[in-house]
C-alpha atoms as a PDB file:
ATOM      1  CA  UNK A   1     -22.640 146.262-179.934  1.00  0.00           C
ATOM      2  CA  UNK A   2     -22.858 143.042-181.855  1.00  0.00           C
ATOM      3  CA  UNK A   3     -20.582 144.486-184.527  1.00  0.00           C
ATOM      4  CA  UNK A   4     -18.090 145.681-182.063  1.00  0.00           C
ATOM      5  CA  UNK A   5     -17.724 142.287-180.433  1.00  0.00           C
ATOM      6  CA  UNK A   6     -17.245 140.854-183.914  1.00  0.00           C
ATOM      7  CA  UNK A   7     -14.621 143.413-184.649  1.00  0.00           C
ATOM      8  CA  UNK A   8     -12.735 142.998-181.180  1.00  0.00           C
ATOM      9  CA  UNK A   9     -12.804 139.069-181.827  1.00  0.00           C
ATOM     10  CA  UNK A  10     -11.212 139.754-185.329  1.00  0.00           C
ATOM     11  CA  UNK A  11      -8.742 142.074-183.877  1.00  0.00           C
ATOM     12  CA  UNK A  12      -7.870 139.584-181.074  1.00  0.00           C
ATOM     13  CA  UNK A  13      -7.143 136.907-183.557  1.00  0.00           C
ATOM     14  CA  UNK A  14      -5.263 138.896-186.385  1.00  0.00           C
ATOM     15  CA  UNK A  15      -4.176 142.271-185.016  1.00  0.00           C
ATOM     16  CA  UNK A  16      -4.887 145.578-186.846  1.00  0.00           C
ATOM     17  CA  UNK A  17      -4.690 145.449-190.730  1.00  0.00           C
ATOM     18  CA  UNK A  18      -3.565 148.699-192.145  1.00  0.00           C
ATOM     19  CA  UNK A  19      -2.445 150.164-195.408  1.00  0.00           C
ATOM     20  CA  UNK A  20       0.418 152.514-196.137  1.00  0.00           C
ATOM     21  CA  UNK A  21      -0.159 155.616-198.085  1.00  0.00           C
ATOM     22  CA  UNK A  22       2.792 157.985-199.166  1.00  0.00           C
ATOM     23  CA  UNK A  23       4.516 159.789-202.001  1.00  0.00           C
ATOM     24  CA  UNK A  24       7.725 160.189-203.863  1.00  0.00           C
ATOM     25  CA  UNK A  25      10.785 162.491-203.511  1.00  0.00           C
ATOM     26  CA  UNK A  26      13.956 163.233-205.674  1.00  0.00           C
ATOM     27  CA  UNK A  27      17.368 163.517-204.051  1.00  0.00           C
ATOM     28  CA  UNK A  28      20.544 164.763-205.660  1.00  0.00           C
ATOM     29  CA  UNK A  29      24.032 164.339-204.031  1.00  0.00           C
ATOM     30  CA  UNK A  30      27.624 164.073-204.778  1.00  0.00           C
ATOM     31  CA  UNK A  31      28.816 160.573-206.040  1.00  0.00           C
ATOM     32  CA  UNK A  32      31.010 158.978-203.466  1.00  0.00           C
ATOM     33  CA  UNK A  33      31.215 155.708-201.811  1.00  0.00           C
ATOM     34  CA  UNK A  34      29.351 156.804-198.631  1.00  0.00           C
ATOM     35  CA  UNK A  35      26.530 158.347-200.394  1.00  0.00           C
ATOM     36  CA  UNK A  36      26.354 155.333-202.791  1.00  0.00           C
ATOM     37  CA  UNK A  37      26.017 152.940-199.700  1.00  0.00           C
ATOM     38  CA  UNK A  38      23.455 155.073-198.255  1.00  0.00           C
ATOM     39  CA  UNK A  39      21.441 155.297-201.476  1.00  0.00           C
ATOM     40  CA  UNK A  40      21.746 151.593-202.225  1.00  0.00           C
ATOM     41  CA  UNK A  41      20.816 150.509-198.775  1.00  0.00           C
ATOM     42  CA  UNK A  42      17.806 152.835-198.304  1.00  0.00           C
ATOM     43  CA  UNK A  43      14.591 150.753-198.720  1.00  0.00           C
ATOM     44  CA  UNK A  44      12.791 154.007-199.769  1.00  0.00           C
ATOM     45  CA  UNK A  45      14.786 154.065-202.992  1.00  0.00           C
ATOM     46  CA  UNK A  46      12.969 153.254-206.207  1.00  0.00           C
ATOM     47  CA  UNK A  47      15.472 154.156-208.777  1.00  0.00           C
ATOM     48  CA  UNK A  48      19.159 155.465-208.765  1.00  0.00           C
ATOM     49  CA  UNK A  49      20.883 157.482-211.698  1.00  0.00           C
ATOM     50  CA  UNK A  50      24.811 158.168-211.816  1.00  0.00           C
ATOM     51  CA  UNK A  51      25.723 161.060-214.001  1.00  0.00           C
ATOM     52  CA  UNK A  52      28.283 163.795-214.138  1.00  0.00           C
ATOM     53  CA  UNK A  53      29.727 163.020-210.439  1.00  0.00           C
ATOM     54  CA  UNK A  54      26.139 163.119-209.126  1.00  0.00           C
ATOM     55  CA  UNK A  55      23.604 160.564-207.674  1.00  0.00           C
ATOM     56  CA  UNK A  56      20.045 161.321-208.496  1.00  0.00           C
ATOM     57  CA  UNK A  57      17.612 158.922-206.815  1.00  0.00           C
ATOM     58  CA  UNK A  58      13.906 158.749-206.585  1.00  0.00           C
ATOM     59  CA  UNK A  59      12.455 157.692-203.165  1.00  0.00           C
ATOM     60  CA  UNK A  60       8.895 156.307-202.190  1.00  0.00           C
ATOM     61  CA  UNK A  61       8.014 157.624-198.714  1.00  0.00           C
ATOM     62  CA  UNK A  62       5.169 156.206-196.540  1.00  0.00           C
ATOM     63  CA  UNK A  63       3.725 159.063-194.587  1.00  0.00           C
ATOM     64  CA  UNK A  64       0.192 158.003-193.837  1.00  0.00           C
ATOM     65  CA  UNK A  65      -1.259 154.878-192.423  1.00  0.00           C
ATOM     66  CA  UNK A  66      -5.065 153.856-192.316  1.00  0.00           C
ATOM     67  CA  UNK A  67      -6.821 150.882-190.753  1.00  0.00           C
ATOM     68  CA  UNK A  68      -8.299 148.457-193.479  1.00  0.00           C
ATOM     69  CA  UNK A  69     -10.574 146.172-191.555  1.00  0.00           C
ATOM     70  CA  UNK A  70     -12.407 143.531-193.686  1.00  0.00           C
ATOM     71  CA  UNK A  71     -15.346 144.913-195.735  1.00  0.00           C
ATOM     72  CA  UNK A  72     -17.568 142.567-194.065  1.00  0.00           C
ATOM     73  CA  UNK A  73     -17.793 144.872-191.152  1.00  0.00           C
ATOM     74  CA  UNK A  74     -19.103 147.957-193.169  1.00  0.00           C
ATOM     75  CA  UNK A  75     -17.195 150.519-191.312  1.00  0.00           C
ATOM     76  CA  UNK A  76     -16.294 154.038-192.537  1.00  0.00           C
ATOM     77  CA  UNK A  77     -12.476 155.091-192.193  1.00  0.00           C
ATOM     78  CA  UNK A  78     -13.420 157.239-189.116  1.00  0.00           C
ATOM     79  CA  UNK A  79     -15.463 154.274-187.567  1.00  0.00           C
ATOM     80  CA  UNK A  80     -12.405 151.913-188.055  1.00  0.00           C
ATOM     81  CA  UNK A  81     -10.110 154.306-186.272  1.00  0.00           C
ATOM     82  CA  UNK A  82     -12.287 154.865-183.417  1.00  0.00           C
ATOM     83  CA  UNK A  83     -12.930 150.958-182.866  1.00  0.00           C
ATOM     84  CA  UNK A  84      -9.399 150.168-183.156  1.00  0.00           C
ATOM     85  CA  UNK A  85      -8.549 152.947-180.607  1.00  0.00           C
ATOM     86  CA  UNK A  86     -11.165 151.397-178.309  1.00  0.00           C
ATOM     87  CA  UNK A  87      -9.771 147.888-178.699  1.00  0.00           C
ATOM     88  CA  UNK A  88      -6.347 148.837-177.710  1.00  0.00           C
ATOM     89  CA  UNK A  89      -7.458 150.525-174.577  1.00  0.00           C
ATOM     90  CA  UNK A  90      -9.896 147.873-173.401  1.00  0.00           C
ATOM     91  CA  UNK A  91      -7.185 145.118-174.382  1.00  0.00           C
ATOM     92  CA  UNK A  92      -4.138 146.931-172.901  1.00  0.00           C
ATOM     93  CA  UNK A  93      -5.231 149.877-170.774  1.00  0.00           C
ATOM     94  CA  UNK A  94      -3.382 152.337-173.058  1.00  0.00           C
ATOM     95  CA  UNK A  95      -5.515 155.187-174.366  1.00  0.00           C
ATOM     96  CA  UNK A  96      -4.472 157.372-177.365  1.00  0.00           C
ATOM     97  CA  UNK A  97      -6.194 160.353-178.868  1.00  0.00           C
ATOM     98  CA  UNK A  98      -5.755 159.230-182.653  1.00  0.00           C
ATOM     99  CA  UNK A  99      -4.854 156.363-184.736  1.00  0.00           C
ATOM    100  CA  UNK A 100      -1.392 157.534-185.966  1.00  0.00           C
ATOM    101  CA  UNK A 101      -0.221 157.499-182.472  1.00  0.00           C
ATOM    102  CA  UNK A 102      -0.280 153.652-182.272  1.00  0.00           C
ATOM    103  CA  UNK A 103       2.548 153.571-184.634  1.00  0.00           C
ATOM    104  CA  UNK A 104       4.802 155.418-182.220  1.00  0.00           C
ATOM    105  CA  UNK A 105       4.438 152.761-179.596  1.00  0.00           C
ATOM    106  CA  UNK A 106       6.521 149.759-180.650  1.00  0.00           C
ATOM    107  CA  UNK A 107       8.080 150.019-177.058  1.00  0.00           C
ATOM    108  CA  UNK A 108       6.273 150.584-173.724  1.00  0.00           C
ATOM    109  CA  UNK A 109       8.133 150.456-170.544  1.00  0.00           C
ATOM    110  CA  UNK A 110      11.360 149.280-172.311  1.00  0.00           C
ATOM    111  CA  UNK A 111       9.704 146.161-173.678  1.00  0.00           C
ATOM    112  CA  UNK A 112       8.162 145.547-177.178  1.00  0.00           C
ATOM    113  CA  UNK A 113       4.494 146.656-177.412  1.00  0.00           C
ATOM    114  CA  UNK A 114       2.870 147.290-180.780  1.00  0.00           C
ATOM    115  CA  UNK A 115       4.775 145.965-183.731  1.00  0.00           C
ATOM    116  CA  UNK A 116       4.485 146.295-187.354  1.00  0.00           C
ATOM    117  CA  UNK A 117       4.373 142.903-189.234  1.00  0.00           C
ATOM    118  CA  UNK A 118       3.818 141.844-192.898  1.00  0.00           C
ATOM    119  CA  UNK A 119       2.067 138.675-193.868  1.00  0.00           C
ATOM    120  CA  UNK A 120       2.380 138.160-197.654  1.00  0.00           C
ATOM    121  CA  UNK A 121       3.281 140.979-199.944  1.00  0.00           C
ATOM    122  CA  UNK A 122       2.111 144.442-198.541  1.00  0.00           C
ATOM    123  CA  UNK A 123      -0.278 142.829-196.166  1.00  0.00           C
ATOM    124  CA  UNK A 124       0.435 144.915-193.037  1.00  0.00           C
ATOM    125  CA  UNK A 125      -0.654 144.435-189.554  1.00  0.00           C
ATOM    126  CA  UNK A 126      -0.145 146.397-186.151  1.00  0.00           C
ATOM    127  CA  UNK A 127       0.189 143.538-183.573  1.00  0.00           C
ATOM    128  CA  UNK A 128       0.764 143.231-179.756  1.00  0.00           C
ATOM    129  CA  UNK A 129       4.060 141.973-178.761  1.00  0.00           C
ATOM    130  CA  UNK A 130       2.513 138.637-177.293  1.00  0.00           C
ATOM    131  CA  UNK A 131       4.696 135.258-177.078  1.00  0.00           C
ATOM    132  CA  UNK A 132       3.760 134.396-180.710  1.00  0.00           C
ATOM    133  CA  UNK A 133       4.130 136.717-183.606  1.00  0.00           C
ATOM    134  CA  UNK A 134       2.775 135.815-186.905  1.00  0.00           C
ATOM    135  CA  UNK A 135       4.362 137.479-189.800  1.00  0.00           C
ATOM    136  CA  UNK A 136       7.681 139.089-190.917  1.00  0.00           C
ATOM    137  CA  UNK A 137       9.177 142.191-189.391  1.00  0.00           C
ATOM    138  CA  UNK A 138      12.293 144.205-189.202  1.00  0.00           C
ATOM    139  CA  UNK A 139      13.790 145.859-186.246  1.00  0.00           C
ATOM    140  CA  UNK A 140      14.879 149.430-186.788  1.00  0.00           C
ATOM    141  CA  UNK A 141      16.635 152.197-185.131  1.00  0.00           C
ATOM    142  CA  UNK A 142      14.272 154.909-183.925  1.00  0.00           C
ATOM    143  CA  UNK A 143      15.179 157.332-186.362  1.00  0.00           C
ATOM    144  CA  UNK A 144      16.419 157.053-189.982  1.00  0.00           C
ATOM    145  CA  UNK A 145      20.103 157.898-189.905  1.00  0.00           C
ATOM    146  CA  UNK A 146      20.064 159.610-193.234  1.00  0.00           C
ATOM    147  CA  UNK A 147      16.693 161.211-193.558  1.00  0.00           C
ATOM    148  CA  UNK A 148      15.681 161.567-189.885  1.00  0.00           C
ATOM    149  CA  UNK A 149      12.330 160.227-189.848  1.00  0.00           C
ATOM    150  CA  UNK A 150      10.912 158.023-187.162  1.00  0.00           C
ATOM    151  CA  UNK A 151      11.030 154.362-187.933  1.00  0.00           C
ATOM    152  CA  UNK A 152       8.991 151.463-187.050  1.00  0.00           C
ATOM    153  CA  UNK A 153       9.826 148.478-184.547  1.00  0.00           C
ATOM    154  CA  UNK A 154      12.659 150.370-182.810  1.00  0.00           C
ATOM    155  CA  UNK A 155      12.886 147.692-180.057  1.00  0.00           C
ATOM    156  CA  UNK A 156      16.155 146.714-178.247  1.00  0.00           C
ATOM    157  CA  UNK A 157      14.946 143.370-176.934  1.00  0.00           C
ATOM    158  CA  UNK A 158      12.316 140.870-177.975  1.00  0.00           C
ATOM    159  CA  UNK A 159      10.994 140.804-174.445  1.00  0.00           C
ATOM    160  CA  UNK A 160       8.403 138.099-174.053  1.00  0.00           C
ATOM    161  CA  UNK A 161       8.116 136.898-177.623  1.00  0.00           C
ATOM    162  CA  UNK A 162       9.125 133.336-177.977  1.00  0.00           C
ATOM    163  CA  UNK A 163       8.237 132.423-181.409  1.00  0.00           C
ATOM    164  CA  UNK A 164       8.130 134.518-184.706  1.00  0.00           C
ATOM    165  CA  UNK A 165       6.704 132.504-187.542  1.00  0.00           C
ATOM    166  CA  UNK A 166       8.198 134.490-190.454  1.00  0.00           C
ATOM    167  CA  UNK A 167      11.541 136.230-191.424  1.00  0.00           C
ATOM    168  CA  UNK A 168      13.237 138.662-188.988  1.00  0.00           C
ATOM    169  CA  UNK A 169      15.372 141.441-190.054  1.00  0.00           C
ATOM    170  CA  UNK A 170      17.631 143.448-187.470  1.00  0.00           C
ATOM    171  CA  UNK A 171      18.497 146.875-188.833  1.00  0.00           C
ATOM    172  CA  UNK A 172      18.896 148.446-185.350  1.00  0.00           C
ATOM    173  CA  UNK A 173      21.168 147.790-182.445  1.00  0.00           C
ATOM    174  CA  UNK A 174      19.723 145.069-180.181  1.00  0.00           C
ATOM    175  CA  UNK A 175      20.490 144.642-176.319  1.00  0.00           C
ATOM    176  CA  UNK A 176      19.295 141.095-175.912  1.00  0.00           C
ATOM    177  CA  UNK A 177      16.950 138.537-177.508  1.00  0.00           C
ATOM    178  CA  UNK A 178      14.612 138.484-174.627  1.00  0.00           C
ATOM    179  CA  UNK A 179      12.584 135.142-174.661  1.00  0.00           C
ATOM    180  CA  UNK A 180      12.962 134.422-178.364  1.00  0.00           C
ATOM    181  CA  UNK A 181      13.759 130.613-178.824  1.00  0.00           C
ATOM    182  CA  UNK A 182      12.417 130.265-182.673  1.00  0.00           C
ATOM    183  CA  UNK A 183      12.131 132.087-185.879  1.00  0.00           C
ATOM    184  CA  UNK A 184      10.302 130.130-188.569  1.00  0.00           C
ATOM    185  CA  UNK A 185      11.880 132.103-191.641  1.00  0.00           C
ATOM    186  CA  UNK A 186      15.124 133.683-192.198  1.00  0.00           C
ATOM    187  CA  UNK A 187      16.942 135.994-189.687  1.00  0.00           C
ATOM    188  CA  UNK A 188      19.465 138.613-190.916  1.00  0.00           C
ATOM    189  CA  UNK A 189      21.474 141.440-189.640  1.00  0.00           C
ATOM    190  CA  UNK A 190      22.011 144.515-191.367  1.00  0.00           C
ATOM    191  CA  UNK A 191      25.092 145.489-193.565  1.00  0.00           C
ATOM    192  CA  UNK A 192      25.231 148.825-191.929  1.00  0.00           C
ATOM    193  CA  UNK A 193      24.607 148.404-188.305  1.00  0.00           C
ATOM    194  CA  UNK A 194      27.137 146.894-185.918  1.00  0.00           C
ATOM    195  CA  UNK A 195      25.949 145.077-182.918  1.00  0.00           C
ATOM    196  CA  UNK A 196      28.114 146.726-180.033  1.00  0.00           C
ATOM    197  CA  UNK A 197      25.733 145.525-177.123  1.00  0.00           C
ATOM    198  CA  UNK A 198      24.549 142.051-178.347  1.00  0.00           C
ATOM    199  CA  UNK A 199      26.879 139.451-176.422  1.00  0.00           C
ATOM    200  CA  UNK A 200      24.669 136.454-177.114  1.00  0.00           C
ATOM    201  CA  UNK A 201      21.519 135.353-179.058  1.00  0.00           C
ATOM    202  CA  UNK A 202      20.401 133.381-176.129  1.00  0.00           C
ATOM    203  CA  UNK A 203      17.864 131.724-175.889  1.00  0.00           C
ATOM    204  CA  UNK A 204      17.433 131.145-179.593  1.00  0.00           C
ATOM    205  CA  UNK A 205      17.603 127.499-180.650  1.00  0.00           C
ATOM    206  CA  UNK A 206      16.045 127.385-184.059  1.00  0.00           C
ATOM    207  CA  UNK A 207      15.989 129.450-187.299  1.00  0.00           C
ATOM    208  CA  UNK A 208      13.939 127.676-190.051  1.00  0.00           C
ATOM    209  CA  UNK A 209      15.451 129.415-192.996  1.00  0.00           C
ATOM    210  CA  UNK A 210      19.031 131.234-193.466  1.00  0.00           C
ATOM    211  CA  UNK A 211      20.763 132.930-190.504  1.00  0.00           C
ATOM    212  CA  UNK A 212      22.905 135.734-191.497  1.00  0.00           C
ATOM    213  CA  UNK A 213      25.026 136.905-188.745  1.00  0.00           C
ATOM    214  CA  UNK A 214      27.136 139.753-190.246  1.00  0.00           C
ATOM    215  CA  UNK A 215      28.381 142.733-187.989  1.00  0.00           C
ATOM    216  CA  UNK A 216      27.987 140.726-184.862  1.00  0.00           C
ATOM    217  CA  UNK A 217      30.127 139.462-181.959  1.00  0.00           C
ATOM    218  CA  UNK A 218      27.865 137.132-180.137  1.00  0.00           C
ATOM    219  CA  UNK A 219      27.734 133.759-178.433  1.00  0.00           C
ATOM    220  CA  UNK A 220      25.750 131.100-180.330  1.00  0.00           C
ATOM    221  CA  UNK A 221      25.771 128.872-177.517  1.00  0.00           C
ATOM    222  CA  UNK A 222      21.941 128.197-177.419  1.00  0.00           C
ATOM    223  CA  UNK A 223      21.706 127.483-181.195  1.00  0.00           C
ATOM    224  CA  UNK A 224      20.653 124.034-182.131  1.00  0.00           C
ATOM    225  CA  UNK A 225      19.354 124.103-185.674  1.00  0.00           C
ATOM    226  CA  UNK A 226      19.388 126.212-188.904  1.00  0.00           C
ATOM    227  CA  UNK A 227      17.153 125.082-191.721  1.00  0.00           C
ATOM    228  CA  UNK A 228      18.850 127.010-194.488  1.00  0.00           C
ATOM    229  CA  UNK A 229      22.505 128.618-194.880  1.00  0.00           C
ATOM    230  CA  UNK A 230      24.591 129.509-191.709  1.00  0.00           C
ATOM    231  CA  UNK A 231      26.301 132.683-192.766  1.00  0.00           C
ATOM    232  CA  UNK A 232      29.342 133.569-190.316  1.00  0.00           C
ATOM    233  CA  UNK A 233      31.124 135.906-192.809  1.00  0.00           C
ATOM    234  CA  UNK A 234      32.582 138.927-191.439  1.00  0.00           C
ATOM    235  CA  UNK A 235      31.566 138.165-187.804  1.00  0.00           C
ATOM    236  CA  UNK A 236      33.420 137.227-184.596  1.00  0.00           C
ATOM    237  CA  UNK A 237      30.811 135.178-183.290  1.00  0.00           C
ATOM    238  CA  UNK A 238      31.779 131.880-181.195  1.00  0.00           C
ATOM    239  CA  UNK A 239      30.582 129.034-179.332  1.00  0.00           C
ATOM    240  CA  UNK A 240      28.388 126.568-181.325  1.00  0.00           C
ATOM    241  CA  UNK A 241      28.382 123.840-178.769  1.00  0.00           C
ATOM    242  CA  UNK A 242      24.665 123.189-179.055  1.00  0.00           C
ATOM    243  CA  UNK A 243      24.493 123.222-182.897  1.00  0.00           C
ATOM    244  CA  UNK A 244      23.335 119.987-184.347  1.00  0.00           C
ATOM    245  CA  UNK A 245      22.154 120.554-187.796  1.00  0.00           C
ATOM    246  CA  UNK A 246      22.515 123.032-190.613  1.00  0.00           C
ATOM    247  CA  UNK A 247      20.258 122.263-193.541  1.00  0.00           C
ATOM    248  CA  UNK A 248      22.279 124.303-196.115  1.00  0.00           C
ATOM    249  CA  UNK A 249      25.889 125.577-196.438  1.00  0.00           C
ATOM    250  CA  UNK A 250      28.164 127.134-193.756  1.00  0.00           C
ATOM    251  CA  UNK A 251      29.731 130.366-194.957  1.00  0.00           C
ATOM    252  CA  UNK A 252      32.727 131.412-192.933  1.00  0.00           C
ATOM    253  CA  UNK A 253      35.620 133.908-193.028  1.00  0.00           C
ATOM    254  CA  UNK A 254      38.700 131.798-193.225  1.00  0.00           C
ATOM    255  CA  UNK A 255      40.650 133.837-190.435  1.00  0.00           C
ATOM    256  CA  UNK A 256      37.668 133.002-187.953  1.00  0.00           C
ATOM    257  CA  UNK A 257      37.416 129.113-188.800  1.00  0.00           C
ATOM    258  CA  UNK A 258      39.607 128.426-185.463  1.00  0.00           C
ATOM    259  CA  UNK A 259      36.642 129.652-183.461  1.00  0.00           C
ATOM    260  CA  UNK A 260      34.333 126.754-184.540  1.00  0.00           C
ATOM    261  CA  UNK A 261      34.181 123.122-184.250  1.00  0.00           C
ATOM    262  CA  UNK A 262      31.820 121.505-186.842  1.00  0.00           C
ATOM    263  CA  UNK A 263      32.853 118.089-186.152  1.00  0.00           C
ATOM    264  CA  UNK A 264      29.350 117.155-184.521  1.00  0.00           C
ATOM    265  CA  UNK A 265      27.364 119.250-186.623  1.00  0.00           C
ATOM    266  CA  UNK A 266      25.309 117.427-189.362  1.00  0.00           C
ATOM    267  CA  UNK A 267      25.719 119.864-192.476  1.00  0.00           C
ATOM    268  CA  UNK A 268      23.426 119.363-195.522  1.00  0.00           C
ATOM    269  CA  UNK A 269      25.588 121.493-197.787  1.00  0.00           C
ATOM    270  CA  UNK A 270      29.233 122.338-197.442  1.00  0.00           C
ATOM    271  CA  UNK A 271      31.590 124.437-195.468  1.00  0.00           C
ATOM    272  CA  UNK A 272      32.609 127.444-197.607  1.00  0.00           C
ATOM    273  CA  UNK A 273      35.714 129.510-196.612  1.00  0.00           C
ATOM    274  CA  UNK A 274      36.376 133.181-197.778  1.00  0.00           C
ATOM    275  CA  UNK A 275      39.422 135.473-197.602  1.00  0.00           C
ATOM    276  CA  UNK A 276      37.201 138.398-196.340  1.00  0.00           C
ATOM    277  CA  UNK A 277      38.856 141.465-195.019  1.00  0.00           C
ATOM    278  CA  UNK A 278      36.891 143.217-192.194  1.00  0.00           C
ATOM    279  CA  UNK A 279      37.081 145.466-189.188  1.00  0.00           C
ATOM    280  CA  UNK A 280      37.168 143.356-185.984  1.00  0.00           C
ATOM    281  CA  UNK A 281      34.529 144.480-183.558  1.00  0.00           C
ATOM    282  CA  UNK A 282      33.728 147.371-185.842  1.00  0.00           C
ATOM    283  CA  UNK A 283      31.453 148.010-188.667  1.00  0.00           C
ATOM    284  CA  UNK A 284      32.831 147.337-192.211  1.00  0.00           C
ATOM    285  CA  UNK A 285      30.970 149.357-194.660  1.00  0.00           C
ATOM    286  CA  UNK A 286      29.905 147.287-197.528  1.00  0.00           C
ATOM    287  CA  UNK A 287      27.070 147.144-200.019  1.00  0.00           C
ATOM    288  CA  UNK A 288      26.819 143.293-199.587  1.00  0.00           C
ATOM    289  CA  UNK A 289      28.871 139.915-199.568  1.00  0.00           C
END
């Protein structure tokens, strides 16, 4: 029981540490623009070869996740799984029969519940979606559009989360930002998902790093500070009435400049204009800016 209380205290403070185990696969398909975009933007892609009108790609797939509690607890793999399941039940009231089921619960009752975050390189944790999230994480669509497997963090709102200390990537369609007011690192939106339903990033006030708002049409009315670059290229965002400081450069499509007044914004770098061509309020397929 003493061991259990120590483990529970660790989990309360840190979340559930886990490691990812996986394998490799090879895919061969026709070399066309759409397939190139899919392969080049697929995070599982390790290597790509172009030859004779074909694309051959090697992919790393994560299929198994296992808890990896600190060695000081001297628990076997089975004991770690059991104690983690007990902790989730006693903390939240949610009972599951096996460890892997926990990774299918980023959402509960339409709100964020258990999220996968990274703290440093390949240091993964499964954490409860409380007001403070420590680490980096990426929002996904529930199923991978090309490979079909279930993905992590398929949330539509940030719910009660008010601060995320690390970087946030949005690679899925969001409904709203919930209670999120601060992101400590960068925040970016995917090159290949258009945000049809996200009308505002309210109540977000501060992004500590770069803010990259591609493929969005959102009000920025609550945004007060961006610590790095503010990238507004290929967006139809609007309303920077609360914006006071941008630590880096402002990057913007020339045709959208009339939507913004930067006269009262302290900009550490420069305003850089680009002659971008893009689909208004629709996805523009691209491998990058």
